[in-house]
Amino acid sequence: MGALVLHDYWRSSAAWRVRLALAAKGQEATRLPVSLLAGDQRSPAHLARNPQGLVPVLEDGPLLLSQSLAIIEYIEESFPEPPLLPADAAGRALVRSAALVIAADVHPLGNLRVQRWLRDRMGQDDDAVTLWLHHWMADGLSALEEFAARHGGQFLFGDRISIADLCLVPQLYNARRFGLQLDDYPRLLAVDMAVAALPWSAAARPQEPLNPT
């Protein structure tokens, strides 16, 4: 593994997951911003890195990786300590299933390109878009609250942070940003606080640029 470069956007949930994984492992990457609001993700340079036109992209020498969970698993395998997946097959499958609730089922339905489609192509106003976001976020968070009731401890799965927690934290940030009430998810809020208490987690949080775009 060479010098890592992370193409990201400061408020991207998917990029935040990757930043958390790097921070958990004590690894650094050079961060190159891709402004989603300015449309940088559709530039020829970025499309050459990721034909989907999405962030994050992790660059490791000639290797270009997209999709946050694939990137995180690459980081996990490249830097095994401390582990972000349980040692047993059943535990790993459970953690991955919880992570995918966010990464596959909730986050994609609320990201910027979906919101723009709802407004520009489907003619929906801000209230309708917010209703859409609240519905799908609540659907996924309710499932994860039950998951935590069955399998959780200090974190979503037991007492060791995992990939699932890295996906949860940015999604709760999004929920707050769009005004979703979180009182029904006390276990998830406790996990969020547990991650925030880890000394390395602050470095991964979104830092608004001086001239945000």
Protein backbone atom coordinates (compact mmCIF):
# COMPACT_ATOMS: atom_id res chain seq x y z
CA MET A 1 0.00 0.00 0.00
CA GLY A 2 1.42 3.34 -1.01
CA ALA A 3 0.50 6.93 -0.15
CA LEU A 4 -3.27 7.11 -0.01
CA VAL A 5 -5.36 9.81 -1.66
CA LEU A 6 -9.01 10.25 -0.81
CA HIS A 7 -11.23 12.13 -3.22
CA ASP A 8 -14.12 13.25 -1.07
CA TYR A 9 -16.67 15.92 -0.24
CA TRP A 10 -16.76 17.39 3.24
CA ARG A 11 -20.42 16.55 3.92
CA SER A 12 -20.62 13.24 2.05
CA SER A 13 -21.84 10.46 4.34
CA ALA A 14 -20.07 7.82 2.30
CA ALA A 15 -16.78 9.72 2.45
CA TRP A 16 -17.20 10.23 6.19
CA ARG A 17 -17.43 6.46 6.67
CA VAL A 18 -14.10 6.06 4.92
CA ARG A 19 -12.50 8.86 6.93
CA LEU A 20 -13.67 7.14 10.11
CA ALA A 21 -12.15 3.85 8.99
CA LEU A 22 -8.83 5.51 8.23
CA ALA A 23 -8.88 7.33 11.56
CA ALA A 24 -9.71 4.14 13.46
CA LYS A 25 -6.66 2.50 11.92
CA GLY A 26 -4.42 5.50 12.55
CA GLN A 27 -3.88 5.97 8.82
CA GLU A 28 -3.75 9.22 6.90
CA ALA A 29 -4.76 10.02 3.36
CA THR A 30 -4.28 13.15 1.34
CA ARG A 31 -7.76 14.56 0.89
CA LEU A 32 -8.68 16.13 -2.43
CA PRO A 33 -12.08 17.85 -2.41
CA VAL A 34 -14.72 17.10 -5.02
CA SER A 35 -17.49 19.69 -4.72
CA LEU A 36 -20.83 18.00 -5.27
CA LEU A 37 -22.69 21.30 -5.28
CA ALA A 38 -20.38 22.74 -7.93
CA GLY A 39 -20.70 19.59 -10.05
CA ASP A 40 -17.05 18.53 -9.82
CA GLN A 41 -18.16 14.90 -9.64
CA ARG A 42 -19.23 15.13 -13.30
CA SER A 43 -15.91 16.55 -14.50
CA PRO A 44 -13.91 14.45 -16.98
CA ALA A 45 -11.13 14.10 -14.41
CA HIS A 46 -13.40 12.65 -11.77
CA LEU A 47 -15.35 10.47 -14.20
CA ALA A 48 -12.02 8.96 -15.19
CA ARG A 49 -11.57 7.98 -11.53
CA ASN A 50 -15.16 6.80 -11.05
CA PRO A 51 -17.51 6.51 -14.04
CA GLN A 52 -20.48 6.76 -11.65
CA GLY A 53 -19.44 10.29 -10.77
CA LEU A 54 -19.69 9.67 -7.04
CA VAL A 55 -17.50 10.11 -3.99
CA PRO A 56 -15.52 8.78 -2.27
CA VAL A 57 -12.72 7.42 -4.40
CA LEU A 58 -9.64 6.01 -2.73
CA GLU A 59 -6.46 6.16 -4.76
CA ASP A 60 -3.59 3.84 -3.84
CA GLY A 61 -0.97 4.13 -6.54
CA PRO A 62 -2.58 2.85 -9.75
CA LEU A 63 -5.53 1.39 -7.84
CA LEU A 64 -8.76 3.39 -7.85
CA LEU A 65 -11.53 2.18 -5.55
CA SER A 66 -15.09 3.47 -5.34
CA GLN A 67 -18.02 2.43 -3.13
CA SER A 68 -17.45 3.20 0.52
CA LEU A 69 -17.88 -0.30 1.94
CA ALA A 70 -15.49 -1.80 -0.61
CA ILE A 71 -12.97 0.90 0.32
CA ILE A 72 -13.45 0.25 4.03
CA GLU A 73 -12.93 -3.48 3.59
CA TYR A 74 -9.76 -2.77 1.61
CA ILE A 75 -8.55 -0.61 4.50
CA GLU A 76 -9.56 -3.35 6.96
CA GLU A 77 -7.58 -6.00 5.10
CA SER A 78 -4.59 -3.73 4.55
CA PHE A 79 -4.45 -2.58 8.19
CA PRO A 80 -5.95 -5.38 10.31
CA GLU A 81 -5.49 -3.67 13.67
CA PRO A 82 -7.66 -2.66 15.35
CA PRO A 83 -10.27 -4.84 13.63
CA LEU A 84 -13.52 -3.36 12.38
CA LEU A 85 -15.09 -6.76 11.78
CA PRO A 86 -15.69 -9.58 14.29
CA ALA A 87 -13.45 -12.63 14.25
CA ASP A 88 -16.26 -15.11 13.54
CA ALA A 89 -18.19 -15.57 10.30
CA ALA A 90 -21.60 -15.06 11.88
CA GLY A 91 -20.51 -11.85 13.55
CA ARG A 92 -19.01 -10.50 10.34
CA ALA A 93 -22.22 -11.27 8.45
CA LEU A 94 -24.34 -9.52 11.08
CA VAL A 95 -22.14 -6.42 11.06
CA ARG A 96 -22.19 -6.27 7.27
CA SER A 97 -25.97 -6.63 7.25
CA ALA A 98 -26.32 -3.68 9.66
CA ALA A 99 -23.91 -1.59 7.59
CA LEU A 100 -25.86 -2.32 4.42
CA VAL A 101 -29.10 -1.09 5.97
CA ILE A 102 -27.54 2.35 5.76
CA ALA A 103 -25.16 2.06 2.82
CA ALA A 104 -27.51 0.17 0.48
CA ASP A 105 -31.06 0.93 1.61
CA VAL A 106 -31.21 4.33 3.35
CA HIS A 107 -28.41 6.61 2.23
CA PRO A 108 -28.82 6.11 -1.55
CA LEU A 109 -32.47 7.21 -1.37
CA GLY A 110 -31.55 10.52 0.22
CA ASN A 111 -28.33 11.59 -1.42
CA LEU A 112 -27.98 14.82 -3.37
CA ARG A 113 -28.61 13.42 -6.83
CA VAL A 114 -31.87 11.79 -5.66
CA GLN A 115 -33.03 15.01 -4.01
CA ARG A 116 -32.27 16.93 -7.20
CA TRP A 117 -34.19 14.39 -9.29
CA LEU A 118 -37.22 14.67 -7.02
CA ARG A 119 -37.18 18.47 -7.32
CA ASP A 120 -36.13 18.97 -10.93
CA ARG A 121 -37.66 16.02 -12.74
CA MET A 122 -40.56 15.01 -10.48
CA GLY A 123 -41.61 18.54 -9.56
CA GLN A 124 -41.56 18.00 -5.81
CA ASP A 125 -41.23 20.91 -3.41
CA ASP A 126 -39.04 21.07 -0.31
CA ASP A 127 -41.78 19.71 1.98
CA ALA A 128 -42.30 16.67 -0.24
CA VAL A 129 -38.57 15.98 -0.45
CA THR A 130 -38.26 16.25 3.34
CA LEU A 131 -41.19 13.83 3.76
CA TRP A 132 -39.40 11.39 1.42
CA LEU A 133 -36.16 11.70 3.38
CA HIS A 134 -37.85 11.27 6.76
CA HIS A 135 -39.73 8.17 5.60
CA TRP A 136 -36.70 6.28 4.37
CA MET A 137 -34.40 7.37 7.18
CA ALA A 138 -36.95 6.36 9.83
CA ASP A 139 -37.49 3.03 8.08
CA GLY A 140 -33.80 2.15 8.27
CA LEU A 141 -33.12 3.60 11.72
CA SER A 142 -36.06 1.68 13.19
CA ALA A 143 -34.56 -1.55 11.87
CA LEU A 144 -31.16 -0.68 13.31
CA GLU A 145 -32.67 0.19 16.68
CA GLU A 146 -34.06 -3.35 16.77
CA PHE A 147 -30.71 -4.73 15.62
CA ALA A 148 -29.02 -2.93 18.51
CA ALA A 149 -31.58 -4.31 20.93
CA ARG A 150 -30.72 -7.84 19.79
CA HIS A 151 -26.98 -7.61 19.24
CA GLY A 152 -25.71 -4.35 20.66
CA GLY A 153 -23.64 -3.37 23.63
CA GLN A 154 -21.67 -0.17 23.71
CA PHE A 155 -21.82 -0.24 19.91
CA LEU A 156 -24.26 -1.67 17.36
CA PHE A 157 -22.69 -5.11 17.63
CA GLY A 158 -21.34 -5.82 21.08
CA ASP A 159 -18.75 -3.65 22.75
CA ARG A 160 -16.29 -3.16 19.90
CA ILE A 161 -16.70 -0.59 17.15
CA SER A 162 -17.36 -2.03 13.71
CA ILE A 163 -18.09 -1.06 10.14
CA ALA A 164 -21.76 -0.82 11.08
CA ASP A 165 -21.07 2.04 13.49
CA LEU A 166 -19.06 3.87 10.83
CA CYS A 167 -22.16 3.86 8.64
CA LEU A 168 -24.56 4.83 11.42
CA VAL A 169 -22.82 7.99 12.63
CA PRO A 170 -22.98 9.95 9.34
CA GLN A 171 -26.58 8.86 8.83
CA LEU A 172 -27.59 10.27 12.20
CA TYR A 173 -25.87 13.52 11.21
CA ASN A 174 -28.02 13.56 8.07
CA ALA A 175 -31.14 12.84 10.09
CA ARG A 176 -30.48 15.81 12.35
CA ARG A 177 -29.63 18.00 9.38
CA PHE A 178 -33.01 17.31 7.81
CA GLY A 179 -34.95 17.65 11.05
CA LEU A 180 -35.88 14.03 11.75
CA GLN A 181 -36.79 13.51 15.41
CA LEU A 182 -34.57 10.82 16.93
CA ASP A 183 -36.29 10.18 20.28
CA ASP A 184 -37.41 6.73 19.13
CA TYR A 185 -33.81 5.55 18.72
CA PRO A 186 -32.16 5.71 22.16
CA ARG A 187 -29.78 2.83 21.45
CA LEU A 188 -28.57 4.43 18.24
CA LEU A 189 -28.05 7.75 20.01
CA ALA A 190 -25.99 5.98 22.67
CA VAL A 191 -23.83 4.41 19.96
CA ASP A 192 -23.39 7.81 18.34
CA MET A 193 -22.15 9.21 21.65
CA ALA A 194 -19.82 6.24 22.15
CA VAL A 195 -18.20 6.82 18.76
CA ALA A 196 -17.91 10.57 19.41
CA ALA A 197 -16.07 9.80 22.65
CA LEU A 198 -13.30 7.97 20.80
CA PRO A 199 -10.36 10.37 20.52
CA TRP A 200 -9.67 9.67 16.86
CA SER A 201 -13.23 10.16 15.63
CA ALA A 202 -13.20 13.96 15.72
CA ALA A 203 -10.64 14.13 12.90
CA ALA A 204 -13.09 12.43 10.53
CA ARG A 205 -16.04 14.74 11.20
CA PRO A 206 -17.20 17.12 8.46
CA GLN A 207 -15.32 20.37 8.56
CA GLU A 208 -17.14 23.08 6.65
CA PRO A 209 -14.76 24.89 4.30
CA LEU A 210 -14.40 28.64 4.54
CA ASN A 211 -16.27 29.01 1.25
CA PRO A 212 -18.54 25.95 1.24
CA THR A 213 -19.58 24.58 -2.12
